Amino acid sequence: DEEPEGAGSKEGHDGHLLYVVGYWTPGIGGDDASLGKAEVSCVQCATVDHSQTATGAIYTRWGRQDCPEGATKLYHGEAHGAHYQHAGSGAQLLCVDP
């Protein structure tokens, strides 16, 4: 696997880079020649309890573009995280609105 341009350098950005999270999709007939790469979608949803306390929650649905019934869609985007070859970056992902 080839490292993305600039991934090996920390010059000018202190190594704080985000990369789109992707996965390989199977091709027609299962052959490797027709494999395709797809990005992991995500959506930010909000729920509100309309009682006197007006409580609610904001949450991310990974791999989705829509919120369930009863929730409000704030935005949909793509999952971003650290490069898989960068040591110590953990598994923290962000849902980024393109």
N, C-alpha and C. Protein backbone atom coordinates (compact mmCIF):
# COMPACT_ATOMS: atom_id res chain seq x y z
N ASP A 1 0.84 -1.20 0.00
CA ASP A 1 0.00 0.00 0.00
C ASP A 1 0.87 1.24 0.00
N GLU A 2 0.47 2.19 -0.79
CA GLU A 2 1.21 3.42 -0.89
C GLU A 2 0.66 4.43 0.10
N GLU A 3 1.57 5.12 0.80
CA GLU A 3 1.16 6.12 1.77
C GLU A 3 0.70 7.38 1.03
N PRO A 4 -0.39 8.03 1.46
CA PRO A 4 -0.87 9.23 0.79
C PRO A 4 0.18 10.33 0.80
N GLU A 5 0.11 11.21 -0.19
CA GLU A 5 1.05 12.31 -0.29
C GLU A 5 1.03 13.14 1.00
N GLY A 6 2.20 13.40 1.54
CA GLY A 6 2.32 14.19 2.76
C GLY A 6 2.12 13.41 4.03
N ALA A 7 1.74 12.14 3.96
CA ALA A 7 1.46 11.37 5.18
C ALA A 7 2.72 11.08 5.98
N GLY A 8 3.87 11.00 5.33
CA GLY A 8 5.11 10.71 6.05
C GLY A 8 5.80 11.93 6.60
N SER A 9 5.31 13.10 6.28
CA SER A 9 5.94 14.34 6.69
C SER A 9 5.07 15.06 7.71
N LYS A 10 5.73 15.64 8.70
CA LYS A 10 5.00 16.44 9.68
C LYS A 10 5.31 17.93 9.50
N GLU A 11 6.00 18.24 8.43
CA GLU A 11 6.41 19.61 8.16
C GLU A 11 5.20 20.49 7.86
N GLY A 12 5.04 21.55 8.62
CA GLY A 12 4.01 22.53 8.34
C GLY A 12 2.63 22.23 8.91
N HIS A 13 2.41 21.04 9.43
CA HIS A 13 1.08 20.74 9.98
C HIS A 13 1.14 19.90 11.24
N ASP A 14 2.31 19.70 11.80
CA ASP A 14 2.50 18.96 13.05
C ASP A 14 1.88 17.58 13.05
N GLY A 15 1.67 16.99 11.88
CA GLY A 15 1.14 15.64 11.80
C GLY A 15 -0.35 15.52 12.05
N HIS A 16 -1.04 16.64 12.17
CA HIS A 16 -2.48 16.62 12.45
C HIS A 16 -3.27 16.59 11.14
N LEU A 17 -3.30 15.43 10.52
CA LEU A 17 -4.01 15.26 9.26
C LEU A 17 -5.15 14.28 9.44
N LEU A 18 -6.21 14.47 8.68
CA LEU A 18 -7.33 13.54 8.66
C LEU A 18 -7.43 12.94 7.28
N TYR A 19 -7.78 11.66 7.22
CA TYR A 19 -7.92 10.94 5.96
C TYR A 19 -9.32 10.35 5.90
N VAL A 20 -9.88 10.31 4.70
CA VAL A 20 -11.19 9.71 4.50
C VAL A 20 -11.08 8.21 4.79
N VAL A 21 -12.01 7.68 5.56
CA VAL A 21 -12.05 6.25 5.87
C VAL A 21 -12.76 5.55 4.72
N GLY A 22 -12.14 4.52 4.18
CA GLY A 22 -12.73 3.81 3.05
C GLY A 22 -12.68 2.31 3.25
N TYR A 23 -13.31 1.61 2.35
CA TYR A 23 -13.30 0.15 2.36
C TYR A 23 -13.40 -0.33 0.92
N TRP A 24 -12.97 -1.56 0.71
CA TRP A 24 -13.02 -2.14 -0.63
C TRP A 24 -14.32 -2.89 -0.82
N THR A 25 -14.96 -2.64 -1.95
CA THR A 25 -16.22 -3.32 -2.27
C THR A 25 -15.94 -4.45 -3.25
N PRO A 26 -16.63 -5.57 -3.12
CA PRO A 26 -16.41 -6.69 -4.03
C PRO A 26 -16.87 -6.35 -5.44
N GLY A 27 -16.17 -6.89 -6.41
CA GLY A 27 -16.52 -6.65 -7.80
C GLY A 27 -17.58 -7.62 -8.28
N ILE A 28 -18.00 -7.43 -9.49
CA ILE A 28 -18.98 -8.32 -10.11
C ILE A 28 -18.34 -9.69 -10.29
N GLY A 29 -18.98 -10.71 -9.81
CA GLY A 29 -18.46 -12.06 -9.93
C GLY A 29 -17.36 -12.38 -8.94
N GLY A 30 -17.06 -11.44 -8.02
CA GLY A 30 -16.07 -11.69 -6.98
C GLY A 30 -14.63 -11.59 -7.44
N ASP A 31 -14.37 -11.08 -8.65
CA ASP A 31 -12.99 -10.99 -9.11
C ASP A 31 -12.33 -9.70 -8.62
N ASP A 32 -11.03 -9.78 -8.36
CA ASP A 32 -10.29 -8.65 -7.84
C ASP A 32 -10.17 -7.51 -8.85
N ALA A 33 -10.30 -7.80 -10.13
CA ALA A 33 -10.13 -6.79 -11.16
C ALA A 33 -11.20 -5.71 -11.08
N SER A 34 -12.35 -6.02 -10.51
CA SER A 34 -13.42 -5.03 -10.46
C SER A 34 -13.69 -4.53 -9.04
N LEU A 35 -12.67 -4.65 -8.16
CA LEU A 35 -12.82 -4.10 -6.82
C LEU A 35 -12.91 -2.58 -6.90
N GLY A 36 -13.70 -1.99 -6.03
CA GLY A 36 -13.82 -0.54 -5.98
C GLY A 36 -13.69 -0.07 -4.55
N LYS A 37 -13.23 1.16 -4.38
CA LYS A 37 -13.10 1.71 -3.04
C LYS A 37 -14.28 2.63 -2.78
N ALA A 38 -14.84 2.55 -1.59
CA ALA A 38 -15.96 3.40 -1.21
C ALA A 38 -15.65 4.07 0.13
N GLU A 39 -16.19 5.24 0.32
CA GLU A 39 -16.00 5.97 1.58
C GLU A 39 -17.07 5.56 2.58
N VAL A 40 -16.74 5.64 3.85
CA VAL A 40 -17.70 5.32 4.92
C VAL A 40 -18.53 6.57 5.18
N SER A 41 -19.83 6.46 4.95
CA SER A 41 -20.71 7.60 5.18
C SER A 41 -21.11 7.67 6.65
N CYS A 42 -21.61 8.84 7.03
CA CYS A 42 -22.07 9.04 8.40
C CYS A 42 -23.11 10.15 8.40
N VAL A 43 -23.89 10.21 9.45
CA VAL A 43 -24.90 11.25 9.58
C VAL A 43 -24.97 11.66 11.05
N GLN A 44 -25.10 12.96 11.29
CA GLN A 44 -25.30 13.49 12.64
C GLN A 44 -26.79 13.68 12.84
N CYS A 45 -27.33 13.07 13.89
CA CYS A 45 -28.76 13.11 14.19
C CYS A 45 -28.99 13.76 15.55
N ALA A 46 -30.16 14.33 15.71
CA ALA A 46 -30.53 14.94 16.98
C ALA A 46 -31.93 14.50 17.37
N THR A 47 -32.11 14.25 18.64
CA THR A 47 -33.44 13.98 19.18
C THR A 47 -33.72 15.01 20.27
N VAL A 48 -34.98 15.40 20.39
CA VAL A 48 -35.36 16.38 21.40
C VAL A 48 -36.60 15.88 22.11
N ASP A 49 -36.54 15.90 23.44
CA ASP A 49 -37.70 15.60 24.27
C ASP A 49 -38.41 16.94 24.49
N HIS A 50 -39.60 17.06 23.94
CA HIS A 50 -40.30 18.34 23.99
C HIS A 50 -41.05 18.57 25.30
N SER A 51 -40.59 17.93 26.36
CA SER A 51 -41.20 18.17 27.68
C SER A 51 -40.64 19.48 28.24
N GLN A 52 -40.95 19.77 29.47
CA GLN A 52 -40.51 21.02 30.10
C GLN A 52 -38.98 21.09 30.22
N THR A 53 -38.32 19.95 30.30
CA THR A 53 -36.86 19.97 30.46
C THR A 53 -36.13 20.15 29.13
N ALA A 54 -36.81 19.90 28.02
CA ALA A 54 -36.23 20.04 26.68
C ALA A 54 -34.87 19.39 26.57
N THR A 55 -34.77 18.14 26.98
CA THR A 55 -33.51 17.41 26.87
C THR A 55 -33.45 16.70 25.53
N GLY A 56 -32.28 16.24 25.16
CA GLY A 56 -32.13 15.53 23.90
C GLY A 56 -30.73 15.01 23.75
N ALA A 57 -30.43 14.52 22.57
CA ALA A 57 -29.11 13.96 22.30
C ALA A 57 -28.71 14.24 20.86
N ILE A 58 -27.42 14.38 20.64
CA ILE A 58 -26.85 14.45 19.30
C ILE A 58 -25.92 13.26 19.17
N TYR A 59 -26.07 12.51 18.09
CA TYR A 59 -25.27 11.29 17.94
C TYR A 59 -24.94 11.05 16.47
N THR A 60 -23.95 10.20 16.24
CA THR A 60 -23.50 9.85 14.90
C THR A 60 -23.97 8.46 14.54
N ARG A 61 -24.49 8.30 13.33
CA ARG A 61 -24.80 6.98 12.79
C ARG A 61 -23.78 6.70 11.69
N TRP A 62 -22.91 5.74 11.95
CA TRP A 62 -21.86 5.39 11.00
C TRP A 62 -22.41 4.48 9.91
N GLY A 63 -22.00 4.72 8.67
CA GLY A 63 -22.44 3.89 7.56
C GLY A 63 -23.84 4.22 7.07
N ARG A 64 -24.39 5.33 7.50
CA ARG A 64 -25.75 5.73 7.12
C ARG A 64 -25.75 7.14 6.55
N GLN A 65 -26.82 7.50 5.84
CA GLN A 65 -26.99 8.86 5.36
C GLN A 65 -28.28 9.49 5.87
N ASP A 66 -29.09 8.71 6.58
CA ASP A 66 -30.35 9.21 7.11
C ASP A 66 -30.50 8.84 8.57
N CYS A 67 -31.30 9.63 9.27
CA CYS A 67 -31.60 9.39 10.68
C CYS A 67 -32.86 8.55 10.80
N PRO A 68 -33.02 7.85 11.92
CA PRO A 68 -34.24 7.08 12.11
C PRO A 68 -35.44 8.00 12.33
N GLU A 69 -36.61 7.42 12.23
CA GLU A 69 -37.84 8.18 12.45
C GLU A 69 -37.82 8.81 13.84
N GLY A 70 -38.21 10.06 13.93
CA GLY A 70 -38.25 10.77 15.20
C GLY A 70 -36.98 11.56 15.49
N ALA A 71 -35.97 11.43 14.65
CA ALA A 71 -34.72 12.18 14.82
C ALA A 71 -34.57 13.17 13.68
N THR A 72 -33.87 14.25 13.96
CA THR A 72 -33.62 15.29 12.97
C THR A 72 -32.21 15.14 12.42
N LYS A 73 -32.10 15.19 11.10
CA LYS A 73 -30.79 15.11 10.44
C LYS A 73 -30.13 16.48 10.49
N LEU A 74 -28.95 16.55 11.11
CA LEU A 74 -28.21 17.80 11.15
C LEU A 74 -27.35 17.96 9.90
N TYR A 75 -26.63 16.89 9.53
CA TYR A 75 -25.89 16.84 8.27
C TYR A 75 -25.42 15.43 8.04
N HIS A 76 -25.05 15.11 6.79
CA HIS A 76 -24.41 13.83 6.51
C HIS A 76 -23.05 14.12 5.88
N GLY A 77 -22.13 13.19 6.07
CA GLY A 77 -20.79 13.41 5.57
C GLY A 77 -20.03 12.11 5.40
N GLU A 78 -18.72 12.19 5.61
CA GLU A 78 -17.83 11.04 5.47
C GLU A 78 -17.02 10.89 6.76
N ALA A 79 -16.70 9.65 7.08
CA ALA A 79 -15.86 9.38 8.24
C ALA A 79 -14.41 9.72 7.91
N HIS A 80 -13.74 10.43 8.81
CA HIS A 80 -12.33 10.78 8.68
C HIS A 80 -11.60 10.36 9.94
N GLY A 81 -10.35 9.99 9.78
CA GLY A 81 -9.52 9.60 10.91
C GLY A 81 -8.05 9.67 10.55
N ALA A 82 -7.21 9.21 11.44
CA ALA A 82 -5.78 9.21 11.21
C ALA A 82 -5.40 8.13 10.20
N HIS A 83 -4.24 8.28 9.58
CA HIS A 83 -3.75 7.30 8.62
C HIS A 83 -3.41 6.01 9.35
N TYR A 84 -3.72 4.87 8.76
CA TYR A 84 -3.52 3.59 9.43
C TYR A 84 -2.06 3.27 9.69
N GLN A 85 -1.13 3.93 9.00
CA GLN A 85 0.28 3.67 9.23
C GLN A 85 0.90 4.62 10.26
N HIS A 86 0.13 5.53 10.80
CA HIS A 86 0.65 6.46 11.80
C HIS A 86 0.49 5.84 13.19
N ALA A 87 1.59 5.65 13.88
CA ALA A 87 1.58 5.02 15.20
C ALA A 87 0.98 5.96 16.24
N GLY A 88 0.23 5.39 17.18
CA GLY A 88 -0.28 6.13 18.32
C GLY A 88 -1.46 7.03 18.04
N SER A 89 -2.09 6.88 16.90
CA SER A 89 -3.17 7.81 16.56
C SER A 89 -4.53 7.34 17.06
N GLY A 90 -4.64 6.14 17.54
CA GLY A 90 -5.89 5.65 18.09
C GLY A 90 -6.94 5.41 17.03
N ALA A 91 -8.17 5.21 17.45
CA ALA A 91 -9.25 4.87 16.53
C ALA A 91 -10.35 5.92 16.58
N GLN A 92 -9.99 7.15 16.88
CA GLN A 92 -10.97 8.23 16.96
C GLN A 92 -11.39 8.64 15.56
N LEU A 93 -12.67 8.61 15.26
CA LEU A 93 -13.18 9.02 13.96
C LEU A 93 -14.05 10.28 14.12
N LEU A 94 -14.10 11.07 13.05
CA LEU A 94 -14.96 12.24 13.01
C LEU A 94 -15.88 12.13 11.80
N CYS A 95 -17.10 12.59 11.95
CA CYS A 95 -18.03 12.67 10.85
C CYS A 95 -17.92 14.08 10.29
N VAL A 96 -17.33 14.21 9.08
CA VAL A 96 -17.01 15.51 8.50
C VAL A 96 -17.96 15.80 7.34
N ASP A 97 -18.59 16.97 7.39
CA ASP A 97 -19.46 17.42 6.32
C ASP A 97 -18.59 17.89 5.16
N PRO A 98 -18.70 17.23 3.99
CA PRO A 98 -17.82 17.65 2.89
C PRO A 98 -18.17 18.98 2.43
